[in-house]
């Protein structure tokens, strides 16, 4: 079936613009929900989308978004409209420096339906820490190489959390606060491991 006949015109326009910058078929993945005519999964890799991040906000039914090793600049306020988003990954893991994602707060505060969040090599400041602690539907939280020197107390609000990874941070004491997570099944904090992270 032709993609043009599946997705909405707004989403097709956004995909067309992204494709003119670099071929998504080569540097990303797109999955469509054909019955309703929407993009539901979008994975972008190694793209320069500075100034074009607002295009992602056209995918209002988006459920899973991965942005890996892209130049992204700031995150637009319209990200708060992605109310169907269940999984978000923003990773700079293959780039040897940490990035401060401008405007991550307050936008991320409104993504209340997120169940999985992964940020890698993104600078996390105390305001963002508090916002993350308000995402009480999170089941999986991976914040790797994000510059943590302590375990944020705000994370204790994440009562549904099952999977926590804070690898590559400078947390030098085992956080006793972990015992407050009733559903936690696996965690990785520096050299403290519970569960299998080598899968």
N, C-alpha and C. Protein backbone atom coordinates (compact mmCIF):
# COMPACT_ATOMS: atom_id res chain seq x y z
N UNK A 1 0.85 -1.19 0.00
CA UNK A 1 0.00 0.00 0.00
C UNK A 1 0.89 1.24 0.00
N UNK A 2 0.51 2.24 -0.74
CA UNK A 2 1.27 3.48 -0.82
C UNK A 2 1.21 4.22 0.51
N UNK A 3 2.36 4.73 0.98
CA UNK A 3 2.39 5.50 2.22
C UNK A 3 1.47 6.70 2.13
N UNK A 4 1.44 7.33 0.95
CA UNK A 4 0.61 8.53 0.78
C UNK A 4 -0.84 8.26 1.08
N UNK A 5 -1.30 7.06 0.85
CA UNK A 5 -2.71 6.76 1.08
C UNK A 5 -2.97 6.32 2.52
N UNK A 6 -1.90 6.14 3.30
CA UNK A 6 -2.07 5.67 4.67
C UNK A 6 -2.12 6.81 5.67
N UNK A 7 -1.15 7.73 5.60
CA UNK A 7 -1.02 8.71 6.66
C UNK A 7 -1.71 10.02 6.32
N UNK A 8 -1.96 10.82 7.35
CA UNK A 8 -2.63 12.10 7.17
C UNK A 8 -1.74 13.06 6.40
N UNK A 9 -2.36 14.08 5.82
CA UNK A 9 -1.62 15.03 4.99
C UNK A 9 -0.59 15.82 5.81
N UNK A 10 -0.92 16.16 7.06
CA UNK A 10 0.03 16.90 7.91
C UNK A 10 1.26 16.05 8.19
N UNK A 11 1.04 14.78 8.49
CA UNK A 11 2.15 13.90 8.80
C UNK A 11 2.99 13.62 7.55
N UNK A 12 2.33 13.50 6.41
CA UNK A 12 3.06 13.29 5.17
C UNK A 12 3.95 14.49 4.86
N UNK A 13 3.43 15.70 5.09
CA UNK A 13 4.21 16.90 4.85
C UNK A 13 5.46 16.91 5.74
N UNK A 14 5.30 16.56 7.03
CA UNK A 14 6.43 16.54 7.95
C UNK A 14 7.46 15.50 7.52
N UNK A 15 6.99 14.32 7.11
CA UNK A 15 7.92 13.28 6.64
C UNK A 15 8.65 13.71 5.38
N UNK A 16 7.93 14.38 4.48
CA UNK A 16 8.55 14.86 3.24
C UNK A 16 9.68 15.83 3.53
N UNK A 17 9.45 16.74 4.49
CA UNK A 17 10.49 17.72 4.83
C UNK A 17 11.68 17.03 5.48
N UNK A 18 11.41 16.10 6.40
CA UNK A 18 12.50 15.35 7.01
C UNK A 18 13.29 14.57 5.97
N UNK A 19 12.58 14.04 4.99
CA UNK A 19 13.24 13.27 3.92
C UNK A 19 14.10 14.14 3.04
N UNK A 20 13.74 15.40 2.85
CA UNK A 20 14.55 16.28 2.01
C UNK A 20 15.87 16.63 2.69
N UNK A 21 15.88 16.60 4.03
CA UNK A 21 17.13 16.88 4.74
C UNK A 21 18.08 15.70 4.62
N UNK A 22 17.59 14.52 4.95
CA UNK A 22 18.36 13.29 4.79
C UNK A 22 17.35 12.17 4.69
N UNK A 23 17.66 11.15 3.97
CA UNK A 23 16.70 10.07 3.76
C UNK A 23 16.40 9.33 5.05
N UNK A 24 15.15 9.40 5.51
CA UNK A 24 14.76 8.68 6.71
C UNK A 24 14.89 7.18 6.49
N UNK A 25 14.65 6.74 5.28
CA UNK A 25 14.76 5.30 5.01
C UNK A 25 16.17 4.78 5.27
N UNK A 26 17.17 5.67 5.15
CA UNK A 26 18.54 5.27 5.40
C UNK A 26 18.97 5.56 6.84
N UNK A 27 18.43 6.61 7.44
CA UNK A 27 18.88 7.04 8.75
C UNK A 27 17.79 7.01 9.81
N UNK A 28 16.76 6.25 9.61
CA UNK A 28 15.70 6.18 10.60
C UNK A 28 14.66 5.16 10.22
N UNK A 29 13.69 5.00 11.07
CA UNK A 29 12.62 4.05 10.85
C UNK A 29 11.29 4.72 11.13
N UNK A 30 10.30 4.35 10.35
CA UNK A 30 8.95 4.89 10.51
C UNK A 30 7.99 3.71 10.52
N UNK A 31 7.07 3.71 11.46
CA UNK A 31 6.03 2.68 11.49
C UNK A 31 4.68 3.36 11.49
N UNK A 32 3.77 2.83 10.68
CA UNK A 32 2.47 3.44 10.50
C UNK A 32 1.38 2.56 11.10
N UNK A 33 0.35 3.21 11.60
CA UNK A 33 -0.85 2.51 12.03
C UNK A 33 -1.87 2.73 10.92
N UNK A 34 -2.02 1.75 10.06
CA UNK A 34 -2.73 1.95 8.80
C UNK A 34 -4.23 2.19 8.97
N UNK A 35 -4.86 1.59 9.97
CA UNK A 35 -6.30 1.75 10.12
C UNK A 35 -6.70 3.19 10.41
N UNK A 36 -5.91 3.85 11.27
CA UNK A 36 -6.24 5.23 11.63
C UNK A 36 -5.46 6.25 10.82
N UNK A 37 -4.45 5.79 10.09
CA UNK A 37 -3.70 6.70 9.23
C UNK A 37 -2.75 7.62 9.96
N UNK A 38 -1.94 7.06 10.85
CA UNK A 38 -1.01 7.88 11.62
C UNK A 38 0.34 7.18 11.76
N UNK A 39 1.36 8.01 11.92
CA UNK A 39 2.67 7.50 12.31
C UNK A 39 2.63 7.24 13.81
N UNK A 40 3.01 6.03 14.22
CA UNK A 40 2.99 5.72 15.65
C UNK A 40 4.39 5.51 16.22
N UNK A 41 5.33 5.10 15.38
CA UNK A 41 6.72 4.91 15.82
C UNK A 41 7.64 5.67 14.88
N UNK A 42 8.57 6.42 15.45
CA UNK A 42 9.50 7.20 14.64
C UNK A 42 10.88 7.13 15.29
N UNK A 43 11.85 6.71 14.49
CA UNK A 43 13.23 6.62 14.96
C UNK A 43 14.12 7.42 14.02
N UNK A 44 14.79 8.42 14.56
CA UNK A 44 15.67 9.28 13.76
C UNK A 44 17.10 9.11 14.26
N UNK A 45 18.02 8.90 13.32
CA UNK A 45 19.42 8.70 13.68
C UNK A 45 20.32 9.57 12.80
N UNK A 46 21.28 10.24 13.46
CA UNK A 46 22.32 10.98 12.76
C UNK A 46 21.75 12.01 11.78
N UNK A 47 20.72 12.72 12.20
CA UNK A 47 20.14 13.78 11.37
C UNK A 47 20.40 15.14 12.02
N UNK A 48 20.53 16.15 11.20
CA UNK A 48 20.61 17.52 11.70
C UNK A 48 19.21 18.13 11.61
N UNK A 49 18.52 18.12 12.75
CA UNK A 49 17.14 18.64 12.74
C UNK A 49 17.02 19.87 13.64
N UNK A 50 18.14 20.60 13.79
CA UNK A 50 18.08 21.87 14.49
C UNK A 50 17.13 22.79 13.72
N UNK A 51 16.18 23.36 14.40
CA UNK A 51 15.20 24.23 13.75
C UNK A 51 14.04 23.48 13.13
N UNK A 52 14.11 22.16 13.11
CA UNK A 52 13.05 21.37 12.49
C UNK A 52 12.37 20.43 13.50
N UNK A 53 12.70 20.59 14.78
CA UNK A 53 12.12 19.70 15.79
C UNK A 53 10.59 19.83 15.87
N UNK A 54 10.09 21.00 15.49
CA UNK A 54 8.63 21.18 15.55
C UNK A 54 7.90 20.26 14.58
N UNK A 55 8.60 19.73 13.58
CA UNK A 55 7.96 18.81 12.64
C UNK A 55 7.46 17.55 13.35
N UNK A 56 8.18 17.13 14.38
CA UNK A 56 7.78 15.92 15.10
C UNK A 56 6.43 16.11 15.78
N UNK A 57 6.10 17.35 16.10
CA UNK A 57 4.83 17.63 16.77
C UNK A 57 3.63 17.42 15.86
N UNK A 58 3.86 17.24 14.56
CA UNK A 58 2.76 16.93 13.64
C UNK A 58 2.26 15.50 13.82
N UNK A 59 3.08 14.66 14.43
CA UNK A 59 2.70 13.25 14.60
C UNK A 59 1.97 13.09 15.92
N UNK A 60 0.72 13.57 15.98
CA UNK A 60 -0.01 13.67 17.24
C UNK A 60 -0.35 12.32 17.86
N UNK A 61 -0.32 11.24 17.07
CA UNK A 61 -0.64 9.91 17.60
C UNK A 61 0.63 9.10 17.88
N UNK A 62 1.76 9.78 17.86
CA UNK A 62 3.04 9.11 18.04
C UNK A 62 3.09 8.43 19.42
N UNK A 63 3.50 7.17 19.43
CA UNK A 63 3.59 6.41 20.68
C UNK A 63 5.03 6.18 21.10
N UNK A 64 5.92 6.01 20.13
CA UNK A 64 7.32 5.74 20.43
C UNK A 64 8.21 6.65 19.59
N UNK A 65 9.12 7.36 20.24
CA UNK A 65 10.01 8.29 19.55
C UNK A 65 11.44 8.05 20.02
N UNK A 66 12.33 7.81 19.07
CA UNK A 66 13.76 7.68 19.35
C UNK A 66 14.52 8.70 18.52
N UNK A 67 15.34 9.49 19.20
CA UNK A 67 16.19 10.47 18.53
C UNK A 67 17.62 10.16 18.98
N UNK A 68 18.39 9.57 18.08
CA UNK A 68 19.71 9.07 18.44
C UNK A 68 20.81 9.79 17.67
N UNK A 69 21.71 10.43 18.41
CA UNK A 69 22.87 11.09 17.82
C UNK A 69 22.50 12.12 16.76
N UNK A 70 21.40 12.82 17.00
CA UNK A 70 20.97 13.88 16.09
C UNK A 70 21.34 15.25 16.68
N UNK A 71 21.51 16.22 15.83
CA UNK A 71 21.63 17.60 16.28
C UNK A 71 20.21 18.15 16.37
N UNK A 72 19.78 18.46 17.60
CA UNK A 72 18.37 18.79 17.77
C UNK A 72 18.11 20.20 18.27
N UNK A 73 19.08 20.86 18.89
CA UNK A 73 18.81 22.18 19.43
C UNK A 73 17.80 22.10 20.55
N UNK A 74 16.81 22.97 20.53
CA UNK A 74 15.83 23.01 21.61
C UNK A 74 14.63 22.13 21.29
N UNK A 75 13.89 21.79 22.34
CA UNK A 75 12.66 21.02 22.18
C UNK A 75 11.49 22.00 22.23
N UNK A 76 10.66 22.05 21.19
CA UNK A 76 9.57 23.02 21.15
C UNK A 76 8.49 22.72 22.18
N UNK A 77 7.80 23.78 22.61
CA UNK A 77 6.71 23.63 23.58
C UNK A 77 5.63 22.69 23.08
N UNK A 78 5.47 22.63 21.75
CA UNK A 78 4.42 21.79 21.16
C UNK A 78 4.62 20.30 21.45
N UNK A 79 5.80 19.92 21.93
CA UNK A 79 6.02 18.52 22.32
C UNK A 79 5.00 18.09 23.37
N UNK A 80 4.54 19.04 24.15
CA UNK A 80 3.55 18.74 25.20
C UNK A 80 2.25 18.21 24.61
N UNK A 81 2.03 18.42 23.30
CA UNK A 81 0.81 17.94 22.65
C UNK A 81 0.90 16.47 22.26
N UNK A 82 2.07 15.86 22.41
CA UNK A 82 2.23 14.45 22.05
C UNK A 82 1.73 13.58 23.21
N UNK A 83 0.45 13.67 23.46
CA UNK A 83 -0.14 13.03 24.65
C UNK A 83 -0.24 11.51 24.53
N UNK A 84 -0.02 10.96 23.32
CA UNK A 84 -0.05 9.51 23.14
C UNK A 84 1.32 8.88 23.33
N UNK A 85 2.34 9.73 23.55
CA UNK A 85 3.71 9.23 23.63
C UNK A 85 3.88 8.35 24.87
N UNK A 86 4.33 7.13 24.64
CA UNK A 86 4.55 6.18 25.73
C UNK A 86 6.03 5.92 25.97
N UNK A 87 6.85 6.09 24.91
CA UNK A 87 8.28 5.80 25.03
C UNK A 87 9.07 6.90 24.32
N UNK A 88 10.05 7.48 25.03
CA UNK A 88 10.87 8.55 24.47
C UNK A 88 12.34 8.25 24.76
N UNK A 89 13.14 8.27 23.71
CA UNK A 89 14.60 8.12 23.84
C UNK A 89 15.27 9.30 23.15
N UNK A 90 16.13 9.98 23.88
CA UNK A 90 16.98 11.02 23.30
C UNK A 90 18.40 10.67 23.71
N UNK A 91 19.20 10.27 22.74
CA UNK A 91 20.52 9.73 23.05
C UNK A 91 21.60 10.39 22.21
N UNK A 92 22.69 10.75 22.89
CA UNK A 92 23.88 11.23 22.21
C UNK A 92 25.03 10.30 22.54
N UNK A 93 24.75 9.00 22.66
CA UNK A 93 25.69 8.07 23.23
C UNK A 93 26.95 7.92 22.40
N UNK A 94 26.88 8.05 21.11
CA UNK A 94 28.06 7.87 20.26
C UNK A 94 28.80 9.17 19.99
N UNK A 95 28.40 10.21 20.70
CA UNK A 95 29.08 11.50 20.57
C UNK A 95 29.79 11.77 21.89
N UNK A 96 31.07 12.09 21.86
CA UNK A 96 31.88 12.13 23.07
C UNK A 96 31.77 13.45 23.83
N UNK A 97 30.57 13.92 24.04
CA UNK A 97 30.34 15.07 24.90
C UNK A 97 28.88 15.06 25.32
N UNK A 98 28.61 15.70 26.45
CA UNK A 98 27.23 15.77 26.92
C UNK A 98 26.56 17.02 26.37
N UNK A 99 25.26 16.91 26.13
CA UNK A 99 24.51 18.01 25.56
C UNK A 99 23.45 18.48 26.54
N UNK A 100 23.30 19.78 26.62
CA UNK A 100 22.19 20.32 27.39
C UNK A 100 21.04 20.51 26.43
N UNK A 101 19.95 19.81 26.68
CA UNK A 101 18.79 19.90 25.80
C UNK A 101 17.96 21.09 26.27
N UNK A 102 17.98 22.15 25.50
CA UNK A 102 17.26 23.34 25.89
C UNK A 102 15.76 23.08 25.93
N UNK A 103 15.12 23.67 26.93
CA UNK A 103 13.66 23.63 27.04
C UNK A 103 13.11 22.22 27.28
N UNK A 104 13.95 21.31 27.79
CA UNK A 104 13.43 19.99 28.14
C UNK A 104 12.36 20.15 29.23
N UNK A 105 12.57 21.07 30.13
CA UNK A 105 11.55 21.47 31.08
C UNK A 105 11.08 22.85 30.64
N UNK A 106 9.79 23.17 30.65
CA UNK A 106 8.72 22.39 31.25
C UNK A 106 8.05 21.38 30.32
N UNK A 107 8.51 21.27 29.08
CA UNK A 107 7.82 20.41 28.12
C UNK A 107 7.65 18.99 28.63
N UNK A 108 8.72 18.40 29.14
CA UNK A 108 8.65 17.00 29.54
C UNK A 108 7.67 16.78 30.68
N UNK A 109 7.43 17.82 31.45
CA UNK A 109 6.49 17.71 32.57
C UNK A 109 5.09 17.34 32.10
N UNK A 110 4.75 17.74 30.88
CA UNK A 110 3.41 17.50 30.36
C UNK A 110 3.25 16.15 29.68
N UNK A 111 4.34 15.42 29.51
CA UNK A 111 4.26 14.10 28.88
C UNK A 111 3.91 13.06 29.94
N UNK A 112 2.78 13.24 30.56
CA UNK A 112 2.42 12.47 31.75
C UNK A 112 2.11 11.00 31.47
N UNK A 113 1.90 10.65 30.20
CA UNK A 113 1.60 9.26 29.86
C UNK A 113 2.84 8.44 29.54
N UNK A 114 4.02 9.08 29.63
CA UNK A 114 5.26 8.34 29.34
C UNK A 114 5.41 7.16 30.29
N UNK A 115 5.72 6.02 29.70
CA UNK A 115 5.99 4.82 30.49
C UNK A 115 7.47 4.45 30.44
N UNK A 116 8.16 4.88 29.37
CA UNK A 116 9.58 4.58 29.24
C UNK A 116 10.31 5.85 28.79
N UNK A 117 11.37 6.20 29.52
CA UNK A 117 12.16 7.37 29.18
C UNK A 117 13.64 7.03 29.26
N UNK A 118 14.35 7.30 28.17
CA UNK A 118 15.80 7.11 28.14
C UNK A 118 16.45 8.40 27.66
N UNK A 119 17.36 8.93 28.47
CA UNK A 119 18.18 10.08 28.09
C UNK A 119 19.63 9.66 28.29
N UNK A 120 20.45 9.83 27.25
CA UNK A 120 21.86 9.45 27.35
C UNK A 120 22.73 10.62 26.92
N UNK A 121 23.68 10.96 27.81
CA UNK A 121 24.59 12.09 27.61
C UNK A 121 23.82 13.40 27.44
N UNK A 122 22.78 13.53 28.22
CA UNK A 122 22.03 14.79 28.27
C UNK A 122 22.20 15.39 29.65
N UNK A 123 22.46 16.68 29.72
CA UNK A 123 22.66 17.34 31.00
C UNK A 123 21.31 17.46 31.72
N UNK A 124 21.26 16.94 32.95
CA UNK A 124 20.04 16.98 33.75
C UNK A 124 20.26 17.96 34.90
N UNK A 125 19.52 19.06 34.91
CA UNK A 125 19.66 20.01 36.01
C UNK A 125 18.59 19.73 37.08
N UNK A 126 18.67 20.37 38.26
CA UNK A 126 17.72 20.07 39.34
C UNK A 126 16.25 20.31 38.97
N UNK A 127 15.99 21.27 38.11
CA UNK A 127 14.60 21.53 37.72
C UNK A 127 14.06 20.36 36.91
N UNK A 128 14.88 19.82 36.02
CA UNK A 128 14.46 18.65 35.22
C UNK A 128 14.31 17.43 36.12
N UNK A 129 15.20 17.29 37.13
CA UNK A 129 15.06 16.19 38.09
C UNK A 129 13.67 16.18 38.71
N UNK A 130 13.21 17.35 39.14
CA UNK A 130 11.89 17.44 39.77
C UNK A 130 10.78 17.10 38.78
N UNK A 131 10.95 17.56 37.53
CA UNK A 131 9.94 17.26 36.51
C UNK A 131 9.87 15.77 36.23
N UNK A 132 11.02 15.11 36.20
CA UNK A 132 11.04 13.66 35.96
C UNK A 132 10.34 12.93 37.09
N UNK A 133 10.48 13.41 38.29
CA UNK A 133 9.83 12.79 39.44
C UNK A 133 8.32 12.89 39.39
N UNK A 134 7.81 13.78 38.55
CA UNK A 134 6.36 13.93 38.41
C UNK A 134 5.77 13.02 37.35
N UNK A 135 6.62 12.31 36.61
CA UNK A 135 6.13 11.41 35.56
C UNK A 135 5.78 10.06 36.19
N UNK A 136 4.68 10.03 36.91
CA UNK A 136 4.41 8.88 37.78
C UNK A 136 3.87 7.65 37.06
N UNK A 137 3.82 7.67 35.73
CA UNK A 137 3.48 6.46 34.98
C UNK A 137 4.72 5.73 34.47
N UNK A 138 5.90 6.26 34.79
CA UNK A 138 7.12 5.64 34.29
C UNK A 138 7.31 4.24 34.87
N UNK A 139 7.58 3.31 33.97
CA UNK A 139 7.93 1.94 34.34
C UNK A 139 9.43 1.72 34.12
N UNK A 140 9.97 2.41 33.11
CA UNK A 140 11.40 2.29 32.78
C UNK A 140 12.01 3.68 32.71
N UNK A 141 13.13 3.87 33.42
CA UNK A 141 13.83 5.15 33.41
C UNK A 141 15.33 4.89 33.30
N UNK A 142 15.91 5.29 32.18
CA UNK A 142 17.36 5.16 31.96
C UNK A 142 17.93 6.56 31.74
N UNK A 143 18.79 6.98 32.64
CA UNK A 143 19.44 8.29 32.54
C UNK A 143 20.95 8.06 32.64
N UNK A 144 21.56 7.74 31.52
CA UNK A 144 22.96 7.32 31.50
C UNK A 144 23.89 8.45 31.10
N UNK A 145 24.98 8.59 31.85
CA UNK A 145 25.98 9.63 31.56
C UNK A 145 25.33 11.01 31.54
N UNK A 146 24.52 11.29 32.55
CA UNK A 146 23.80 12.56 32.61
C UNK A 146 24.32 13.49 33.71
N UNK A 147 25.45 13.13 34.32
CA UNK A 147 26.09 14.03 35.27
C UNK A 147 25.54 13.99 36.68
N UNK A 148 24.81 12.94 37.05
CA UNK A 148 24.29 12.84 38.41
C UNK A 148 25.43 12.60 39.41
N UNK A 149 25.38 13.32 40.53
CA UNK A 149 26.32 13.06 41.64
C UNK A 149 25.57 12.54 42.86
N UNK A 150 24.26 12.48 42.79
CA UNK A 150 23.43 11.98 43.88
C UNK A 150 22.18 11.35 43.29
N UNK A 151 21.48 10.60 44.10
CA UNK A 151 20.23 10.00 43.65
C UNK A 151 19.11 10.98 43.96
N UNK A 152 18.38 11.45 42.94
CA UNK A 152 17.35 12.48 43.17
C UNK A 152 16.20 11.97 44.04
N UNK A 153 15.89 12.72 45.09
CA UNK A 153 14.79 12.34 45.99
C UNK A 153 13.45 12.37 45.26
N UNK A 154 13.34 13.23 44.26
CA UNK A 154 12.07 13.34 43.53
C UNK A 154 11.69 12.03 42.84
N UNK A 155 12.69 11.17 42.57
CA UNK A 155 12.41 9.91 41.88
C UNK A 155 11.59 8.96 42.76
N UNK A 156 11.54 9.22 44.06
CA UNK A 156 10.77 8.36 44.96
C UNK A 156 9.27 8.41 44.65
N UNK A 157 8.84 9.39 43.87
CA UNK A 157 7.43 9.49 43.48
C UNK A 157 7.08 8.49 42.38
N UNK A 158 8.07 7.85 41.80
CA UNK A 158 7.85 6.96 40.66
C UNK A 158 7.49 5.56 41.15
N UNK A 159 6.30 5.42 41.67
CA UNK A 159 5.89 4.19 42.35
C UNK A 159 5.70 3.00 41.42
N UNK A 160 5.59 3.24 40.10
CA UNK A 160 5.40 2.14 39.14
C UNK A 160 6.71 1.65 38.54
N UNK A 161 7.81 2.29 38.92
CA UNK A 161 9.10 2.01 38.29
C UNK A 161 9.55 0.58 38.51
N UNK A 162 9.89 -0.10 37.41
CA UNK A 162 10.39 -1.47 37.46
C UNK A 162 11.85 -1.58 37.01
N UNK A 163 12.29 -0.63 36.19
CA UNK A 163 13.60 -0.73 35.54
C UNK A 163 14.27 0.64 35.62
N UNK A 164 15.37 0.72 36.36
CA UNK A 164 16.08 1.98 36.56
C UNK A 164 17.55 1.80 36.23
N UNK A 165 18.08 2.67 35.39
CA UNK A 165 19.51 2.61 35.05
C UNK A 165 20.09 4.02 35.10
N UNK A 166 21.12 4.18 35.93
CA UNK A 166 21.84 5.45 36.04
C UNK A 166 23.33 5.20 35.79
N UNK A 167 23.62 4.46 34.74
CA UNK A 167 25.01 4.10 34.43
C UNK A 167 25.81 5.33 34.00
N UNK A 168 27.10 5.31 34.33
CA UNK A 168 28.00 6.37 33.87
C UNK A 168 27.85 7.67 34.61
N UNK A 169 27.19 7.67 35.75
CA UNK A 169 27.07 8.87 36.58
C UNK A 169 28.05 8.77 37.75
N UNK A 170 28.17 9.84 38.52
CA UNK A 170 29.15 9.88 39.62
C UNK A 170 28.48 9.76 40.98
N UNK A 171 27.56 8.81 41.10
CA UNK A 171 26.90 8.56 42.37
C UNK A 171 27.78 7.61 43.17
N UNK A 172 28.40 8.12 44.25
CA UNK A 172 29.41 7.32 44.94
C UNK A 172 28.89 6.53 46.13
N UNK A 173 27.61 6.73 46.50
CA UNK A 173 27.03 5.97 47.59
C UNK A 173 25.82 5.22 47.11
N UNK A 174 25.63 4.03 47.66
CA UNK A 174 24.43 3.28 47.31
C UNK A 174 23.21 4.01 47.86
N UNK A 175 22.24 4.34 47.01
CA UNK A 175 21.08 5.12 47.47
C UNK A 175 20.07 4.25 48.22
N UNK A 176 19.97 4.45 49.52
CA UNK A 176 18.98 3.71 50.31
C UNK A 176 17.56 4.00 49.86
N UNK A 177 17.38 5.10 49.15
CA UNK A 177 16.05 5.45 48.66
C UNK A 177 15.49 4.39 47.71
N UNK A 178 16.37 3.56 47.15
CA UNK A 178 15.90 2.50 46.24
C UNK A 178 14.91 1.56 46.92
N UNK A 179 15.02 1.44 48.24
CA UNK A 179 14.14 0.53 48.96
C UNK A 179 12.70 1.04 49.01
N UNK A 180 12.49 2.26 48.55
CA UNK A 180 11.13 2.83 48.54
C UNK A 180 10.36 2.49 47.27
N UNK A 181 11.00 1.78 46.34
CA UNK A 181 10.35 1.45 45.08
C UNK A 181 9.74 0.05 45.19
N UNK A 182 8.43 -0.03 45.35
CA UNK A 182 7.80 -1.33 45.61
C UNK A 182 7.86 -2.31 44.44
N UNK A 183 7.96 -1.81 43.19
CA UNK A 183 7.90 -2.68 42.02
C UNK A 183 9.23 -2.83 41.30
N UNK A 184 10.28 -2.23 41.85
CA UNK A 184 11.57 -2.23 41.17
C UNK A 184 12.11 -3.65 41.04
N UNK A 185 12.37 -4.06 39.79
CA UNK A 185 12.85 -5.41 39.51
C UNK A 185 14.32 -5.44 39.15
N UNK A 186 14.80 -4.38 38.49
CA UNK A 186 16.22 -4.34 38.16
C UNK A 186 16.71 -2.90 38.14
N UNK A 187 17.95 -2.74 38.54
CA UNK A 187 18.56 -1.42 38.52
C UNK A 187 20.05 -1.54 38.25
N UNK A 188 20.61 -0.45 37.76
CA UNK A 188 22.06 -0.35 37.55
C UNK A 188 22.44 1.06 37.96
N UNK A 189 23.23 1.16 39.02
CA UNK A 189 23.72 2.46 39.48
C UNK A 189 25.21 2.32 39.72
N UNK A 190 26.00 2.91 38.82
CA UNK A 190 27.45 2.73 38.84
C UNK A 190 27.76 1.24 38.88
N UNK A 191 28.35 0.76 39.96
CA UNK A 191 28.71 -0.65 40.00
C UNK A 191 27.70 -1.49 40.77
N UNK A 192 26.60 -0.89 41.16
CA UNK A 192 25.58 -1.63 41.89
C UNK A 192 24.55 -2.13 40.89
N UNK A 193 24.47 -3.45 40.73
CA UNK A 193 23.61 -4.04 39.70
C UNK A 193 22.61 -4.99 40.33
N UNK A 194 21.39 -4.86 39.91
CA UNK A 194 20.39 -5.89 40.21
C UNK A 194 19.65 -6.12 38.91
N UNK A 195 19.66 -7.35 38.43
CA UNK A 195 19.03 -7.63 37.14
C UNK A 195 20.09 -7.72 36.06
N UNK A 196 19.66 -8.06 34.87
CA UNK A 196 20.57 -8.30 33.76
C UNK A 196 20.50 -7.16 32.76
N UNK A 197 21.60 -6.38 32.66
CA UNK A 197 21.66 -5.28 31.69
C UNK A 197 22.57 -5.63 30.52
N UNK A 198 22.85 -6.91 30.36
CA UNK A 198 23.69 -7.32 29.25
C UNK A 198 22.89 -8.02 28.17
N UNK A 199 21.58 -7.87 28.20
CA UNK A 199 20.73 -8.55 27.22
C UNK A 199 20.83 -7.86 25.87
